[in-house]
Amino acid sequence: MTRLILVPVGQTDWRENGRLTGDTDLPLNETGQRQILADADAIAALKPSLLRSGPEQAARESVRILADRLDLKAKPVKELREMDLGHWEGLTLDDFRERFPRVYKQWQSDPTSVEPPEGESVMQAADRLTAGLEKLLADHAGETVVVVLGHFAYAILRCRLQDASFESFWEYVEGNDRWRQIELPEPLPEKKASATGRRKSGKKAT
């Protein structure tokens, strides 16, 4: 059985200020750097053999810190990029709630039911991330693999691989958990098993 360790990127100024952060390139702040250093110390005991990340700046900076501490080579993987939030990138949650109250309520109730304008839906991101992960793990079955992801991508893969539902999506996006270990069967859980949210309206936000 393969052991997957999911690590959310360290804090950025946007996240600290409550802004919606998708795949925008942002540097870690000092708190984020300290978070990743602490993650590395904890994860080292698990003796991972592979270290990968999404391609956005915060993920690349986070994985470089881990690589130095774990003495592993790090490499970004384009399929593991953060969810694209389109026109919603950079909005604070208060701004979003005020400007799009109906969509905000729907997104909070069922994150799989809306699609950001010029962005991607949770399920589109989930399919992309799962496909990228399957490709990555194909040659590393039975190993311990560390993957560093943006907070939305981290939540999406936890929901799909660990829960098989998106009930805890916002808890994972907004929470303070620094990493999660998941024992993976082979093959990975089927897409249809994780496609359930609280509702399935399938509407696209405007």
C-alpha atoms as a PDB file:
ATOM      1  CA  MET A   1       0.000   0.000   0.000  1.00  0.00           C
ATOM      2  CA  THR A   2       1.278   3.454  -0.908  1.00  0.00           C
ATOM      3  CA  ARG A   3       1.508   6.097   1.793  1.00  0.00           C
ATOM      4  CA  LEU A   4       0.638   9.598   0.558  1.00  0.00           C
ATOM      5  CA  ILE A   5       1.477  12.651   2.639  1.00  0.00           C
ATOM      6  CA  LEU A   6      -0.431  15.763   1.567  1.00  0.00           C
ATOM      7  CA  VAL A   7       1.077  19.063   2.693  1.00  0.00           C
ATOM      8  CA  PRO A   8      -0.693  22.414   2.174  1.00  0.00           C
ATOM      9  CA  VAL A   9       1.581  25.263   1.128  1.00  0.00           C
ATOM     10  CA  GLY A  10       2.867  27.619   3.791  1.00  0.00           C
ATOM     11  CA  GLN A  11       1.052  30.833   4.529  1.00  0.00           C
ATOM     12  CA  THR A  12       1.088  33.762   2.086  1.00  0.00           C
ATOM     13  CA  ASP A  13       0.024  37.339   2.742  1.00  0.00           C
ATOM     14  CA  TRP A  14      -3.176  36.755   0.774  1.00  0.00           C
ATOM     15  CA  ARG A  15      -4.176  33.794   2.935  1.00  0.00           C
ATOM     16  CA  GLU A  16      -3.251  35.674   6.096  1.00  0.00           C
ATOM     17  CA  ASN A  17      -5.562  38.505   4.990  1.00  0.00           C
ATOM     18  CA  GLY A  18      -8.436  36.164   4.143  1.00  0.00           C
ATOM     19  CA  ARG A  19      -8.207  36.495   0.370  1.00  0.00           C
ATOM     20  CA  LEU A  20      -9.268  33.717  -1.984  1.00  0.00           C
ATOM     21  CA  THR A  21      -6.029  32.254  -3.279  1.00  0.00           C
ATOM     22  CA  GLY A  22      -6.160  29.990  -6.285  1.00  0.00           C
ATOM     23  CA  ASP A  23      -3.235  29.448  -8.626  1.00  0.00           C
ATOM     24  CA  THR A  24      -1.929  33.026  -8.434  1.00  0.00           C
ATOM     25  CA  ASP A  25       1.842  33.092  -7.898  1.00  0.00           C
ATOM     26  CA  LEU A  26       2.506  34.391  -4.387  1.00  0.00           C
ATOM     27  CA  PRO A  27       5.569  34.068  -2.138  1.00  0.00           C
ATOM     28  CA  LEU A  28       5.504  32.550   1.324  1.00  0.00           C
ATOM     29  CA  ASN A  29       5.617  35.008   4.177  1.00  0.00           C
ATOM     30  CA  GLU A  30       7.712  34.453   7.303  1.00  0.00           C
ATOM     31  CA  THR A  31       4.943  32.489   8.994  1.00  0.00           C
ATOM     32  CA  GLY A  32       4.648  30.248   5.943  1.00  0.00           C
ATOM     33  CA  GLN A  33       8.359  29.530   5.937  1.00  0.00           C
ATOM     34  CA  ARG A  34       8.240  28.546   9.617  1.00  0.00           C
ATOM     35  CA  GLN A  35       5.240  26.305   8.990  1.00  0.00           C
ATOM     36  CA  ILE A  36       7.034  24.343   6.277  1.00  0.00           C
ATOM     37  CA  LEU A  37      10.179  23.984   8.388  1.00  0.00           C
ATOM     38  CA  ALA A  38       8.064  22.486  11.163  1.00  0.00           C
ATOM     39  CA  ASP A  39       6.349  20.195   8.651  1.00  0.00           C
ATOM     40  CA  ALA A  40       9.734  18.954   7.435  1.00  0.00           C
ATOM     41  CA  ASP A  41      10.860  18.070  10.954  1.00  0.00           C
ATOM     42  CA  ALA A  42       7.677  16.053  11.548  1.00  0.00           C
ATOM     43  CA  ILE A  43       7.613  14.326   8.162  1.00  0.00           C
ATOM     44  CA  ALA A  44      11.294  13.332   8.254  1.00  0.00           C
ATOM     45  CA  ALA A  45      10.512  10.471  10.649  1.00  0.00           C
ATOM     46  CA  LEU A  46       8.271   8.882   7.998  1.00  0.00           C
ATOM     47  CA  LYS A  47      11.227   8.539   5.614  1.00  0.00           C
ATOM     48  CA  PRO A  48       9.575   9.606   2.362  1.00  0.00           C
ATOM     49  CA  SER A  49      11.184   8.614  -0.924  1.00  0.00           C
ATOM     50  CA  LEU A  50       9.560  11.110  -3.301  1.00  0.00           C
ATOM     51  CA  LEU A  51       8.770  14.829  -3.058  1.00  0.00           C
ATOM     52  CA  ARG A  52       6.588  16.705  -5.561  1.00  0.00           C
ATOM     53  CA  SER A  53       4.486  19.874  -5.647  1.00  0.00           C
ATOM     54  CA  GLY A  54       2.155  21.995  -7.686  1.00  0.00           C
ATOM     55  CA  PRO A  55       3.803  24.563  -9.989  1.00  0.00           C
ATOM     56  CA  GLU A  56       2.632  27.828  -8.382  1.00  0.00           C
ATOM     57  CA  GLN A  57       5.162  29.948  -6.464  1.00  0.00           C
ATOM     58  CA  ALA A  58       4.036  29.160  -2.911  1.00  0.00           C
ATOM     59  CA  ALA A  59       4.132  25.419  -3.667  1.00  0.00           C
ATOM     60  CA  ARG A  60       7.572  25.621  -5.252  1.00  0.00           C
ATOM     61  CA  GLU A  61       8.970  27.629  -2.333  1.00  0.00           C
ATOM     62  CA  SER A  62       7.392  25.232   0.159  1.00  0.00           C
ATOM     63  CA  VAL A  63       8.746  22.135  -1.552  1.00  0.00           C
ATOM     64  CA  ARG A  64      12.263  23.602  -1.765  1.00  0.00           C
ATOM     65  CA  ILE A  65      12.300  24.044   2.004  1.00  0.00           C
ATOM     66  CA  LEU A  66      11.122  20.462   2.471  1.00  0.00           C
ATOM     67  CA  ALA A  67      13.677  19.190  -0.024  1.00  0.00           C
ATOM     68  CA  ASP A  68      16.551  20.810   1.874  1.00  0.00           C
ATOM     69  CA  ARG A  69      15.443  19.304   5.177  1.00  0.00           C
ATOM     70  CA  LEU A  70      14.508  15.860   3.828  1.00  0.00           C
ATOM     71  CA  ASP A  71      17.506  15.575   1.497  1.00  0.00           C
ATOM     72  CA  LEU A  72      15.266  14.804  -1.477  1.00  0.00           C
ATOM     73  CA  LYS A  73      14.989  16.222  -4.945  1.00  0.00           C
ATOM     74  CA  ALA A  74      11.847  18.273  -5.510  1.00  0.00           C
ATOM     75  CA  LYS A  75       9.978  18.755  -8.757  1.00  0.00           C
ATOM     76  CA  PRO A  76       6.805  20.687  -9.646  1.00  0.00           C
ATOM     77  CA  VAL A  77       4.076  18.807 -11.507  1.00  0.00           C
ATOM     78  CA  LYS A  78       1.766  20.888 -13.695  1.00  0.00           C
ATOM     79  CA  GLU A  79      -1.266  18.623 -13.145  1.00  0.00           C
ATOM     80  CA  LEU A  80      -1.011  19.257  -9.397  1.00  0.00           C
ATOM     81  CA  ARG A  81      -1.509  23.006  -9.685  1.00  0.00           C
ATOM     82  CA  GLU A  82      -3.895  24.803  -7.375  1.00  0.00           C
ATOM     83  CA  MET A  83      -7.553  25.191  -8.319  1.00  0.00           C
ATOM     84  CA  ASP A  84      -8.168  28.080 -10.736  1.00  0.00           C
ATOM     85  CA  LEU A  85     -10.627  30.484  -9.086  1.00  0.00           C
ATOM     86  CA  GLY A  86     -10.914  32.705 -12.147  1.00  0.00           C
ATOM     87  CA  HIS A  87     -12.451  36.116 -11.437  1.00  0.00           C
ATOM     88  CA  TRP A  88     -12.759  35.302  -7.747  1.00  0.00           C
ATOM     89  CA  GLU A  89      -8.985  35.286  -7.168  1.00  0.00           C
ATOM     90  CA  GLY A  90      -7.895  37.870  -4.624  1.00  0.00           C
ATOM     91  CA  LEU A  91     -11.345  38.662  -3.222  1.00  0.00           C
ATOM     92  CA  THR A  92     -11.700  38.560   0.537  1.00  0.00           C
ATOM     93  CA  LEU A  93     -14.462  36.309   1.794  1.00  0.00           C
ATOM     94  CA  ASP A  94     -16.304  39.385   3.087  1.00  0.00           C
ATOM     95  CA  ASP A  95     -16.113  40.976  -0.385  1.00  0.00           C
ATOM     96  CA  PHE A  96     -17.284  37.766  -2.000  1.00  0.00           C
ATOM     97  CA  ARG A  97     -20.182  37.338   0.418  1.00  0.00           C
ATOM     98  CA  GLU A  98     -21.283  40.960  -0.126  1.00  0.00           C
ATOM     99  CA  ARG A  99     -20.998  40.949  -3.920  1.00  0.00           C
ATOM    100  CA  PHE A 100     -22.322  37.441  -4.607  1.00  0.00           C
ATOM    101  CA  PRO A 101     -24.491  36.454  -1.639  1.00  0.00           C
ATOM    102  CA  ARG A 102     -26.472  33.750  -3.449  1.00  0.00           C
ATOM    103  CA  VAL A 103     -23.410  32.157  -5.005  1.00  0.00           C
ATOM    104  CA  TYR A 104     -21.502  32.395  -1.721  1.00  0.00           C
ATOM    105  CA  LYS A 105     -24.280  30.549   0.104  1.00  0.00           C
ATOM    106  CA  GLN A 106     -24.479  27.882  -2.598  1.00  0.00           C
ATOM    107  CA  TRP A 107     -20.680  27.443  -2.722  1.00  0.00           C
ATOM    108  CA  GLN A 108     -20.524  27.058   1.047  1.00  0.00           C
ATOM    109  CA  SER A 109     -23.430  24.601   1.072  1.00  0.00           C
ATOM    110  CA  ASP A 110     -22.135  22.474  -1.813  1.00  0.00           C
ATOM    111  CA  PRO A 111     -18.683  23.342  -3.172  1.00  0.00           C
ATOM    112  CA  THR A 112     -19.187  21.004  -6.139  1.00  0.00           C
ATOM    113  CA  SER A 113     -22.233  22.900  -7.434  1.00  0.00           C
ATOM    114  CA  VAL A 114     -20.662  26.105  -8.773  1.00  0.00           C
ATOM    115  CA  GLU A 115     -17.901  27.035 -11.199  1.00  0.00           C
ATOM    116  CA  PRO A 116     -15.937  30.302 -10.854  1.00  0.00           C
ATOM    117  CA  PRO A 117     -16.203  32.510 -13.961  1.00  0.00           C
ATOM    118  CA  GLU A 118     -13.134  31.876 -16.141  1.00  0.00           C
ATOM    119  CA  GLY A 119     -11.995  29.288 -13.580  1.00  0.00           C
ATOM    120  CA  GLU A 120     -12.623  25.615 -12.889  1.00  0.00           C
ATOM    121  CA  SER A 121     -15.102  23.746 -10.739  1.00  0.00           C
ATOM    122  CA  VAL A 122     -14.134  21.605  -7.765  1.00  0.00           C
ATOM    123  CA  MET A 123     -14.932  18.468  -9.740  1.00  0.00           C
ATOM    124  CA  GLN A 124     -12.886  19.574 -12.743  1.00  0.00           C
ATOM    125  CA  ALA A 125      -9.962  20.251 -10.426  1.00  0.00           C
ATOM    126  CA  ALA A 126     -10.537  16.934  -8.651  1.00  0.00           C
ATOM    127  CA  ASP A 127     -10.382  14.964 -11.903  1.00  0.00           C
ATOM    128  CA  ARG A 128      -7.217  16.793 -12.982  1.00  0.00           C
ATOM    129  CA  LEU A 129      -5.510  16.348  -9.622  1.00  0.00           C
ATOM    130  CA  THR A 130      -6.428  12.675  -9.357  1.00  0.00           C
ATOM    131  CA  ALA A 131      -5.169  11.974 -12.874  1.00  0.00           C
ATOM    132  CA  GLY A 132      -1.913  13.754 -12.095  1.00  0.00           C
ATOM    133  CA  LEU A 133      -1.514  11.843  -8.868  1.00  0.00           C
ATOM    134  CA  GLU A 134      -2.207   8.491 -10.541  1.00  0.00           C
ATOM    135  CA  LYS A 135       0.473   9.245 -13.114  1.00  0.00           C
ATOM    136  CA  LEU A 136       2.909  10.293 -10.405  1.00  0.00           C
ATOM    137  CA  LEU A 137       2.334   7.220  -8.238  1.00  0.00           C
ATOM    138  CA  ALA A 138       2.417   4.697 -11.077  1.00  0.00           C
ATOM    139  CA  ASP A 139       6.140   4.098 -10.619  1.00  0.00           C
ATOM    140  CA  HIS A 140       6.161   4.504  -6.833  1.00  0.00           C
ATOM    141  CA  ALA A 141       3.691   1.930  -5.520  1.00  0.00           C
ATOM    142  CA  GLY A 142       4.369   0.948  -1.939  1.00  0.00           C
ATOM    143  CA  GLU A 143       6.491   4.021  -1.222  1.00  0.00           C
ATOM    144  CA  THR A 144       5.947   7.076   0.961  1.00  0.00           C
ATOM    145  CA  VAL A 145       5.283  10.077  -1.279  1.00  0.00           C
ATOM    146  CA  VAL A 146       5.019  13.723  -0.185  1.00  0.00           C
ATOM    147  CA  VAL A 147       2.950  16.125  -2.306  1.00  0.00           C
ATOM    148  CA  VAL A 148       2.788  19.871  -1.576  1.00  0.00           C
ATOM    149  CA  LEU A 149      -0.395  21.584  -2.765  1.00  0.00           C
ATOM    150  CA  GLY A 150      -2.348  24.811  -2.597  1.00  0.00           C
ATOM    151  CA  HIS A 151      -5.052  24.808   0.063  1.00  0.00           C
ATOM    152  CA  PHE A 152      -7.943  24.149  -2.336  1.00  0.00           C
ATOM    153  CA  ALA A 153      -6.089  21.318  -4.068  1.00  0.00           C
ATOM    154  CA  TYR A 154      -5.145  19.900  -0.652  1.00  0.00           C
ATOM    155  CA  ALA A 155      -8.799  19.936   0.423  1.00  0.00           C
ATOM    156  CA  ILE A 156      -9.978  18.420  -2.857  1.00  0.00           C
ATOM    157  CA  LEU A 157      -7.624  15.444  -2.656  1.00  0.00           C
ATOM    158  CA  ARG A 158      -8.393  14.857   1.016  1.00  0.00           C
ATOM    159  CA  CYS A 159     -12.095  14.815   0.208  1.00  0.00           C
ATOM    160  CA  ARG A 160     -11.714  12.486  -2.758  1.00  0.00           C
ATOM    161  CA  LEU A 161      -9.090  10.084  -1.440  1.00  0.00           C
ATOM    162  CA  GLN A 162      -9.856  10.058   2.277  1.00  0.00           C
ATOM    163  CA  ASP A 163     -13.571  10.834   2.585  1.00  0.00           C
ATOM    164  CA  ALA A 164     -15.103   9.961  -0.810  1.00  0.00           C
ATOM    165  CA  SER A 165     -17.314  13.045  -0.365  1.00  0.00           C
ATOM    166  CA  PHE A 166     -16.919  16.814  -0.139  1.00  0.00           C
ATOM    167  CA  GLU A 167     -18.747  17.314   3.150  1.00  0.00           C
ATOM    168  CA  SER A 168     -15.578  18.546   4.893  1.00  0.00           C
ATOM    169  CA  PHE A 169     -14.227  20.601   1.983  1.00  0.00           C
ATOM    170  CA  TRP A 170     -14.378  24.018   3.677  1.00  0.00           C
ATOM    171  CA  GLU A 171     -13.065  22.602   6.935  1.00  0.00           C
ATOM    172  CA  TYR A 172      -9.974  21.435   5.057  1.00  0.00           C
ATOM    173  CA  VAL A 173      -9.587  24.649   3.025  1.00  0.00           C
ATOM    174  CA  GLU A 174      -9.858  26.952   6.020  1.00  0.00           C
ATOM    175  CA  GLY A 175      -8.380  24.723   8.722  1.00  0.00           C
ATOM    176  CA  ASN A 176      -4.944  24.772  10.285  1.00  0.00           C
ATOM    177  CA  ASP A 177      -3.943  21.143   9.713  1.00  0.00           C
ATOM    178  CA  ARG A 178      -0.415  21.177   8.384  1.00  0.00           C
ATOM    179  CA  TRP A 179      -0.283  17.763   6.731  1.00  0.00           C
ATOM    180  CA  ARG A 180      -2.253  14.560   6.344  1.00  0.00           C
ATOM    181  CA  GLN A 181      -1.137  10.984   5.808  1.00  0.00           C
ATOM    182  CA  ILE A 182      -3.393   8.789   3.662  1.00  0.00           C
ATOM    183  CA  GLU A 183      -2.932   5.078   2.992  1.00  0.00           C
ATOM    184  CA  LEU A 184      -3.849   4.528  -0.644  1.00  0.00           C
ATOM    185  CA  PRO A 185      -5.282   1.371  -2.155  1.00  0.00           C
ATOM    186  CA  GLU A 186      -4.332   0.442  -5.689  1.00  0.00           C
ATOM    187  CA  PRO A 187      -5.849   1.704  -7.894  1.00  0.00           C
ATOM    188  CA  LEU A 188      -6.952   5.042  -6.433  1.00  0.00           C
ATOM    189  CA  PRO A 189     -10.646   5.472  -5.512  1.00  0.00           C
ATOM    190  CA  GLU A 190     -12.848   5.812  -8.581  1.00  0.00           C
ATOM    191  CA  LYS A 191     -14.007   9.272  -9.559  1.00  0.00           C
ATOM    192  CA  LYS A 192     -17.664   8.360  -9.264  1.00  0.00           C
ATOM    193  CA  ALA A 193     -17.193   7.489  -5.597  1.00  0.00           C
ATOM    194  CA  SER A 194     -16.146  11.016  -4.708  1.00  0.00           C
ATOM    195  CA  ALA A 195     -18.473  13.060  -6.863  1.00  0.00           C
ATOM    196  CA  THR A 196     -21.058  13.641  -4.137  1.00  0.00           C
ATOM    197  CA  GLY A 197     -21.402  16.943  -2.340  1.00  0.00           C
ATOM    198  CA  ARG A 198     -24.300  18.141  -0.240  1.00  0.00           C
ATOM    199  CA  ARG A 199     -26.302  18.967  -3.362  1.00  0.00           C
ATOM    200  CA  LYS A 200     -25.832  18.408  -7.080  1.00  0.00           C
ATOM    201  CA  SER A 201     -27.264  21.406  -8.860  1.00  0.00           C
ATOM    202  CA  GLY A 202     -24.338  21.611 -11.280  1.00  0.00           C
ATOM    203  CA  LYS A 203     -24.910  25.346 -11.828  1.00  0.00           C
ATOM    204  CA  LYS A 204     -22.205  27.645 -13.115  1.00  0.00           C
ATOM    205  CA  ALA A 205     -21.712  30.860 -11.177  1.00  0.00           C
ATOM    206  CA  THR A 206     -21.942  34.130 -12.994  1.00  0.00           C
END
